Amino acid sequence: MKTFEERLKRLEELNAEMRTGNLPLEKAVSLFEEGIKLAKSLEKDLNKIERKVEILVNKPESPEETPNFELFDTTSHK
């Protein structure tokens, strides 16, 4: 499997190619399909990373402390 960065670069290439508007319909559909697959796999990876960061940020420092699963404090700055 390609790295996250390689897949993101390919998605950007597909986007640029499709924006030219000079593609036959079949080619445009094929590129769009590839782009959707890439976007979904990138989103899945980002979700995994987000969960890992959330766990690390909210990890209790002591066993009796409970973790805070909110990414941002919603009680302030309203």
N, C-alpha and C. Protein backbone atom coordinates (compact mmCIF):
# COMPACT_ATOMS: atom_id res chain seq x y z
N MET A 1 0.84 -1.18 0.00
CA MET A 1 0.00 0.00 0.00
C MET A 1 0.89 1.25 0.00
N LYS A 2 0.47 2.23 -0.71
CA LYS A 2 1.22 3.48 -0.77
C LYS A 2 1.06 4.25 0.53
N THR A 3 2.00 5.14 0.77
CA THR A 3 1.93 5.94 1.98
C THR A 3 0.80 6.96 1.89
N PHE A 4 0.48 7.53 3.03
CA PHE A 4 -0.56 8.56 3.07
C PHE A 4 -0.20 9.70 2.12
N GLU A 5 1.06 10.13 2.18
CA GLU A 5 1.51 11.26 1.36
C GLU A 5 1.43 10.94 -0.13
N GLU A 6 1.77 9.72 -0.51
CA GLU A 6 1.70 9.32 -1.92
C GLU A 6 0.26 9.31 -2.41
N ARG A 7 -0.63 8.80 -1.58
CA ARG A 7 -2.05 8.77 -1.97
C ARG A 7 -2.63 10.17 -2.06
N LEU A 8 -2.23 11.05 -1.12
CA LEU A 8 -2.71 12.43 -1.16
C LEU A 8 -2.21 13.14 -2.41
N LYS A 9 -0.95 12.92 -2.76
CA LYS A 9 -0.39 13.53 -3.97
C LYS A 9 -1.14 13.05 -5.20
N ARG A 10 -1.45 11.75 -5.26
CA ARG A 10 -2.19 11.20 -6.40
C ARG A 10 -3.58 11.82 -6.48
N LEU A 11 -4.22 12.00 -5.35
CA LEU A 11 -5.54 12.63 -5.32
C LEU A 11 -5.47 14.05 -5.86
N GLU A 12 -4.44 14.78 -5.48
CA GLU A 12 -4.24 16.14 -5.99
C GLU A 12 -4.00 16.14 -7.50
N GLU A 13 -3.25 15.15 -7.98
CA GLU A 13 -3.00 15.03 -9.43
C GLU A 13 -4.31 14.76 -10.18
N LEU A 14 -5.12 13.87 -9.62
CA LEU A 14 -6.41 13.56 -10.24
C LEU A 14 -7.28 14.80 -10.30
N ASN A 15 -7.30 15.54 -9.22
CA ASN A 15 -8.09 16.76 -9.15
C ASN A 15 -7.66 17.75 -10.24
N ALA A 16 -6.36 17.95 -10.35
CA ALA A 16 -5.84 18.89 -11.35
C ALA A 16 -6.18 18.42 -12.77
N GLU A 17 -6.04 17.13 -13.02
CA GLU A 17 -6.34 16.60 -14.35
C GLU A 17 -7.82 16.74 -14.70
N MET A 18 -8.68 16.49 -13.72
CA MET A 18 -10.12 16.59 -13.98
C MET A 18 -10.56 18.03 -14.17
N ARG A 19 -9.88 18.97 -13.54
CA ARG A 19 -10.26 20.37 -13.66
C ARG A 19 -9.94 20.96 -15.03
N THR A 20 -9.11 20.29 -15.81
CA THR A 20 -8.80 20.81 -17.14
C THR A 20 -10.02 20.84 -18.03
N GLY A 21 -10.91 19.88 -17.82
CA GLY A 21 -12.13 19.83 -18.62
C GLY A 21 -11.93 19.27 -20.01
N ASN A 22 -10.75 18.79 -20.30
CA ASN A 22 -10.45 18.28 -21.64
C ASN A 22 -10.40 16.76 -21.68
N LEU A 23 -11.17 16.11 -20.85
CA LEU A 23 -11.14 14.65 -20.78
C LEU A 23 -12.40 14.06 -21.40
N PRO A 24 -12.23 12.92 -22.07
CA PRO A 24 -13.43 12.19 -22.50
C PRO A 24 -14.20 11.73 -21.26
N LEU A 25 -15.48 11.57 -21.42
CA LEU A 25 -16.35 11.21 -20.31
C LEU A 25 -15.88 9.95 -19.61
N GLU A 26 -15.55 8.91 -20.33
CA GLU A 26 -15.10 7.65 -19.73
C GLU A 26 -13.86 7.85 -18.87
N LYS A 27 -12.91 8.63 -19.35
CA LYS A 27 -11.68 8.89 -18.61
C LYS A 27 -12.00 9.70 -17.34
N ALA A 28 -12.87 10.69 -17.46
CA ALA A 28 -13.25 11.51 -16.31
C ALA A 28 -13.92 10.67 -15.23
N VAL A 29 -14.79 9.76 -15.63
CA VAL A 29 -15.47 8.88 -14.68
C VAL A 29 -14.47 7.95 -14.01
N SER A 30 -13.53 7.44 -14.78
CA SER A 30 -12.50 6.56 -14.23
C SER A 30 -11.64 7.29 -13.20
N LEU A 31 -11.24 8.52 -13.52
CA LEU A 31 -10.45 9.31 -12.58
C LEU A 31 -11.24 9.66 -11.34
N PHE A 32 -12.52 9.98 -11.53
CA PHE A 32 -13.39 10.30 -10.40
C PHE A 32 -13.52 9.10 -9.47
N GLU A 33 -13.70 7.92 -10.04
CA GLU A 33 -13.81 6.70 -9.24
C GLU A 33 -12.53 6.46 -8.43
N GLU A 34 -11.38 6.62 -9.08
CA GLU A 34 -10.10 6.46 -8.38
C GLU A 34 -9.98 7.48 -7.26
N GLY A 35 -10.40 8.71 -7.53
CA GLY A 35 -10.33 9.77 -6.54
C GLY A 35 -11.20 9.49 -5.32
N ILE A 36 -12.39 8.97 -5.56
CA ILE A 36 -13.30 8.64 -4.45
C ILE A 36 -12.68 7.56 -3.57
N LYS A 37 -12.10 6.53 -4.19
CA LYS A 37 -11.47 5.46 -3.43
C LYS A 37 -10.30 6.01 -2.60
N LEU A 38 -9.50 6.87 -3.21
CA LEU A 38 -8.38 7.47 -2.48
C LEU A 38 -8.88 8.33 -1.32
N ALA A 39 -9.89 9.15 -1.58
CA ALA A 39 -10.41 10.04 -0.54
C ALA A 39 -10.94 9.24 0.64
N LYS A 40 -11.64 8.15 0.37
CA LYS A 40 -12.18 7.31 1.45
C LYS A 40 -11.06 6.67 2.26
N SER A 41 -10.01 6.20 1.59
CA SER A 41 -8.91 5.57 2.33
C SER A 41 -8.15 6.61 3.15
N LEU A 42 -7.99 7.81 2.61
CA LEU A 42 -7.32 8.88 3.36
C LEU A 42 -8.15 9.29 4.57
N GLU A 43 -9.45 9.39 4.38
CA GLU A 43 -10.34 9.75 5.49
C GLU A 43 -10.28 8.70 6.60
N LYS A 44 -10.24 7.43 6.22
CA LYS A 44 -10.15 6.35 7.19
C LYS A 44 -8.85 6.47 8.00
N ASP A 45 -7.74 6.75 7.31
CA ASP A 45 -6.46 6.92 8.00
C ASP A 45 -6.49 8.12 8.94
N LEU A 46 -7.08 9.22 8.49
CA LEU A 46 -7.17 10.41 9.34
C LEU A 46 -8.01 10.15 10.58
N ASN A 47 -9.08 9.39 10.43
CA ASN A 47 -9.92 9.05 11.58
C ASN A 47 -9.14 8.22 12.60
N LYS A 48 -8.33 7.27 12.11
CA LYS A 48 -7.50 6.46 13.02
C LYS A 48 -6.51 7.34 13.77
N ILE A 49 -5.87 8.24 13.05
CA ILE A 49 -4.90 9.14 13.67
C ILE A 49 -5.58 10.05 14.69
N GLU A 50 -6.75 10.55 14.35
CA GLU A 50 -7.49 11.41 15.27
C GLU A 50 -7.82 10.68 16.57
N ARG A 51 -8.23 9.42 16.46
CA ARG A 51 -8.54 8.63 17.66
C ARG A 51 -7.28 8.42 18.51
N LYS A 52 -6.16 8.15 17.87
CA LYS A 52 -4.91 7.97 18.61
C LYS A 52 -4.52 9.24 19.35
N VAL A 53 -4.62 10.38 18.67
CA VAL A 53 -4.28 11.66 19.29
C VAL A 53 -5.21 11.94 20.45
N GLU A 54 -6.48 11.68 20.26
CA GLU A 54 -7.46 11.91 21.33
C GLU A 54 -7.12 11.07 22.56
N ILE A 55 -6.74 9.82 22.35
CA ILE A 55 -6.37 8.95 23.47
C ILE A 55 -5.13 9.48 24.16
N LEU A 56 -4.13 9.88 23.39
CA LEU A 56 -2.89 10.38 23.97
C LEU A 56 -3.11 11.68 24.75
N VAL A 57 -3.91 12.57 24.21
CA VAL A 57 -4.16 13.86 24.86
C VAL A 57 -4.96 13.67 26.15
N ASN A 58 -5.87 12.72 26.15
CA ASN A 58 -6.76 12.54 27.30
C ASN A 58 -6.34 11.42 28.24
N LYS A 59 -5.16 10.86 28.03
CA LYS A 59 -4.69 9.77 28.88
C LYS A 59 -4.51 10.27 30.31
N PRO A 60 -5.12 9.60 31.26
CA PRO A 60 -4.99 10.02 32.65
C PRO A 60 -3.54 9.89 33.13
N GLU A 61 -3.11 10.83 33.95
CA GLU A 61 -1.76 10.79 34.48
C GLU A 61 -1.65 9.83 35.65
N SER A 62 -2.75 9.59 36.33
CA SER A 62 -2.74 8.64 37.43
C SER A 62 -3.91 7.68 37.25
N PRO A 63 -3.83 6.49 37.82
CA PRO A 63 -4.88 5.48 37.64
C PRO A 63 -6.27 5.94 38.12
N GLU A 64 -6.32 6.78 39.15
CA GLU A 64 -7.63 7.19 39.66
C GLU A 64 -8.24 8.36 38.87
N GLU A 65 -7.45 8.99 38.03
CA GLU A 65 -7.96 10.09 37.21
C GLU A 65 -8.71 9.52 36.01
N THR A 66 -9.86 10.11 35.68
CA THR A 66 -10.62 9.65 34.53
C THR A 66 -10.27 10.51 33.32
N PRO A 67 -10.21 9.91 32.14
CA PRO A 67 -9.87 10.67 30.94
C PRO A 67 -11.01 11.59 30.51
N ASN A 68 -10.65 12.68 29.88
CA ASN A 68 -11.62 13.61 29.30
C ASN A 68 -11.68 13.33 27.81
N PHE A 69 -12.82 12.89 27.31
CA PHE A 69 -12.92 12.51 25.91
C PHE A 69 -13.38 13.64 25.00
N GLU A 70 -13.54 14.84 25.52
CA GLU A 70 -13.87 15.97 24.68
C GLU A 70 -12.58 16.60 24.18
N LEU A 71 -12.53 16.88 22.89
CA LEU A 71 -11.33 17.45 22.31
C LEU A 71 -11.15 18.90 22.74
N PHE A 72 -12.27 19.63 22.85
CA PHE A 72 -12.23 21.02 23.26
C PHE A 72 -13.21 21.22 24.41
N ASP A 73 -12.88 22.11 25.31
CA ASP A 73 -13.76 22.42 26.42
C ASP A 73 -14.92 23.25 25.86
N THR A 74 -16.13 22.72 25.92
CA THR A 74 -17.29 23.41 25.37
C THR A 74 -17.95 24.37 26.37
N THR A 75 -17.45 24.41 27.60
CA THR A 75 -18.08 25.27 28.61
C THR A 75 -17.55 26.69 28.58
N SER A 76 -16.38 26.90 28.02
CA SER A 76 -15.81 28.26 28.00
C SER A 76 -15.96 28.86 26.61
N HIS A 77 -15.84 30.16 26.54
CA HIS A 77 -15.86 30.92 25.28
C HIS A 77 -17.18 30.79 24.54
N LYS A 78 -18.28 30.80 25.25
CA LYS A 78 -19.59 30.74 24.57
C LYS A 78 -20.10 32.11 24.30
